[in-house]
Amino acid sequence: MKIAHVLICTLILSFAATPFALAETATTAATTTTDDAKKAKSKECSAQADAKGLHGKERKKFREQCKHAK
């Protein structure tokens, strides 16, 4: 009888935890996509700064403006 109760409780807890596991996976995928987009934008801005021959504070200022531009 105890084994049946343990199995039933395990099944109930497994089904109860499933939405949390699925939500975490979706959040992780969305975060990865956002991070990839930020990295791509950062590289694009660096390439533009290189093309303009910017260095030091001018480069930093340009990159910040470029990354935050829509």
C-alpha atoms as a PDB file:
ATOM      1  CA  MET A   1       0.000   0.000   0.000  1.00  0.00           C
ATOM      2  CA  LYS A   2       2.824   2.416   0.814  1.00  0.00           C
ATOM      3  CA  ILE A   3       4.493   1.826  -2.550  1.00  0.00           C
ATOM      4  CA  ALA A   4       1.279   2.724  -4.364  1.00  0.00           C
ATOM      5  CA  HIS A   5       1.015   5.972  -2.401  1.00  0.00           C
ATOM      6  CA  VAL A   6       4.621   6.862  -3.158  1.00  0.00           C
ATOM      7  CA  LEU A   7       4.120   6.203  -6.865  1.00  0.00           C
ATOM      8  CA  ILE A   8       0.921   8.250  -6.973  1.00  0.00           C
ATOM      9  CA  CYS A   9       2.587  11.167  -5.168  1.00  0.00           C
ATOM     10  CA  THR A  10       5.554  10.993  -7.525  1.00  0.00           C
ATOM     11  CA  LEU A  11       3.287  11.111 -10.570  1.00  0.00           C
ATOM     12  CA  ILE A  12       1.302  14.040  -9.192  1.00  0.00           C
ATOM     13  CA  LEU A  13       4.464  16.008  -8.410  1.00  0.00           C
ATOM     14  CA  SER A  14       5.920  15.221 -11.828  1.00  0.00           C
ATOM     15  CA  PHE A  15       2.862  16.593 -13.611  1.00  0.00           C
ATOM     16  CA  ALA A  16       2.726  19.601 -11.301  1.00  0.00           C
ATOM     17  CA  ALA A  17       6.366  20.506 -12.047  1.00  0.00           C
ATOM     18  CA  THR A  18       6.099  20.125 -15.848  1.00  0.00           C
ATOM     19  CA  PRO A  19       4.892  23.700 -16.587  1.00  0.00           C
ATOM     20  CA  PHE A  20       7.836  25.125 -14.651  1.00  0.00           C
ATOM     21  CA  ALA A  21      10.329  23.074 -16.624  1.00  0.00           C
ATOM     22  CA  LEU A  22       8.748  24.095 -19.929  1.00  0.00           C
ATOM     23  CA  ALA A  23       8.657  27.780 -18.940  1.00  0.00           C
ATOM     24  CA  GLU A  24      12.346  27.716 -18.055  1.00  0.00           C
ATOM     25  CA  THR A  25      13.223  26.261 -21.454  1.00  0.00           C
ATOM     26  CA  ALA A  26      11.265  28.952 -23.290  1.00  0.00           C
ATOM     27  CA  THR A  27      12.864  31.713 -21.214  1.00  0.00           C
ATOM     28  CA  THR A  28      16.339  30.349 -21.876  1.00  0.00           C
ATOM     29  CA  ALA A  29      15.709  30.263 -25.635  1.00  0.00           C
ATOM     30  CA  ALA A  30      14.414  33.847 -25.635  1.00  0.00           C
ATOM     31  CA  THR A  31      17.419  35.036 -23.631  1.00  0.00           C
ATOM     32  CA  THR A  32      19.831  33.329 -26.012  1.00  0.00           C
ATOM     33  CA  THR A  33      18.174  34.980 -29.013  1.00  0.00           C
ATOM     34  CA  THR A  34      18.370  38.393 -27.327  1.00  0.00           C
ATOM     35  CA  ASP A  35      22.027  37.884 -26.413  1.00  0.00           C
ATOM     36  CA  ASP A  36      22.851  36.860 -29.988  1.00  0.00           C
ATOM     37  CA  ALA A  37      21.141  39.984 -31.333  1.00  0.00           C
ATOM     38  CA  LYS A  38      23.076  42.201 -28.902  1.00  0.00           C
ATOM     39  CA  LYS A  39      26.375  40.592 -29.896  1.00  0.00           C
ATOM     40  CA  ALA A  40      25.601  41.030 -33.587  1.00  0.00           C
ATOM     41  CA  LYS A  41      24.700  44.705 -33.071  1.00  0.00           C
ATOM     42  CA  SER A  42      27.870  45.245 -31.043  1.00  0.00           C
ATOM     43  CA  LYS A  43      30.031  43.712 -33.786  1.00  0.00           C
ATOM     44  CA  GLU A  44      28.261  45.819 -36.413  1.00  0.00           C
ATOM     45  CA  CYS A  45      28.915  48.993 -34.415  1.00  0.00           C
ATOM     46  CA  SER A  46      32.570  48.028 -33.916  1.00  0.00           C
ATOM     47  CA  ALA A  47      32.972  47.502 -37.652  1.00  0.00           C
ATOM     48  CA  GLN A  48      31.448  50.926 -38.332  1.00  0.00           C
ATOM     49  CA  ALA A  49      33.793  52.511 -35.764  1.00  0.00           C
ATOM     50  CA  ASP A  50      36.757  50.772 -37.430  1.00  0.00           C
ATOM     51  CA  ALA A  51      35.663  52.057 -40.837  1.00  0.00           C
ATOM     52  CA  LYS A  52      35.543  55.612 -39.443  1.00  0.00           C
ATOM     53  CA  GLY A  53      38.953  55.166 -37.808  1.00  0.00           C
ATOM     54  CA  LEU A  54      37.656  56.036 -34.352  1.00  0.00           C
ATOM     55  CA  HIS A  55      39.744  55.415 -31.227  1.00  0.00           C
ATOM     56  CA  GLY A  56      39.488  56.016 -27.494  1.00  0.00           C
ATOM     57  CA  LYS A  57      36.656  58.107 -26.116  1.00  0.00           C
ATOM     58  CA  GLU A  58      35.309  58.940 -29.579  1.00  0.00           C
ATOM     59  CA  ARG A  59      35.022  55.237 -30.420  1.00  0.00           C
ATOM     60  CA  LYS A  60      33.336  54.430 -27.108  1.00  0.00           C
ATOM     61  CA  LYS A  61      30.820  57.256 -27.527  1.00  0.00           C
ATOM     62  CA  PHE A  62      30.068  56.241 -31.128  1.00  0.00           C
ATOM     63  CA  ARG A  63      29.567  52.561 -30.203  1.00  0.00           C
ATOM     64  CA  GLU A  64      27.173  53.420 -27.344  1.00  0.00           C
ATOM     65  CA  GLN A  65      25.094  55.632 -29.619  1.00  0.00           C
ATOM     66  CA  CYS A  66      25.147  53.010 -32.370  1.00  0.00           C
ATOM     67  CA  LYS A  67      24.090  50.161 -30.050  1.00  0.00           C
ATOM     68  CA  HIS A  68      21.168  52.150 -28.665  1.00  0.00           C
ATOM     69  CA  ALA A  69      19.983  53.442 -32.049  1.00  0.00           C
ATOM     70  CA  LYS A  70      16.873  51.749 -33.394  1.00  0.00           C
END
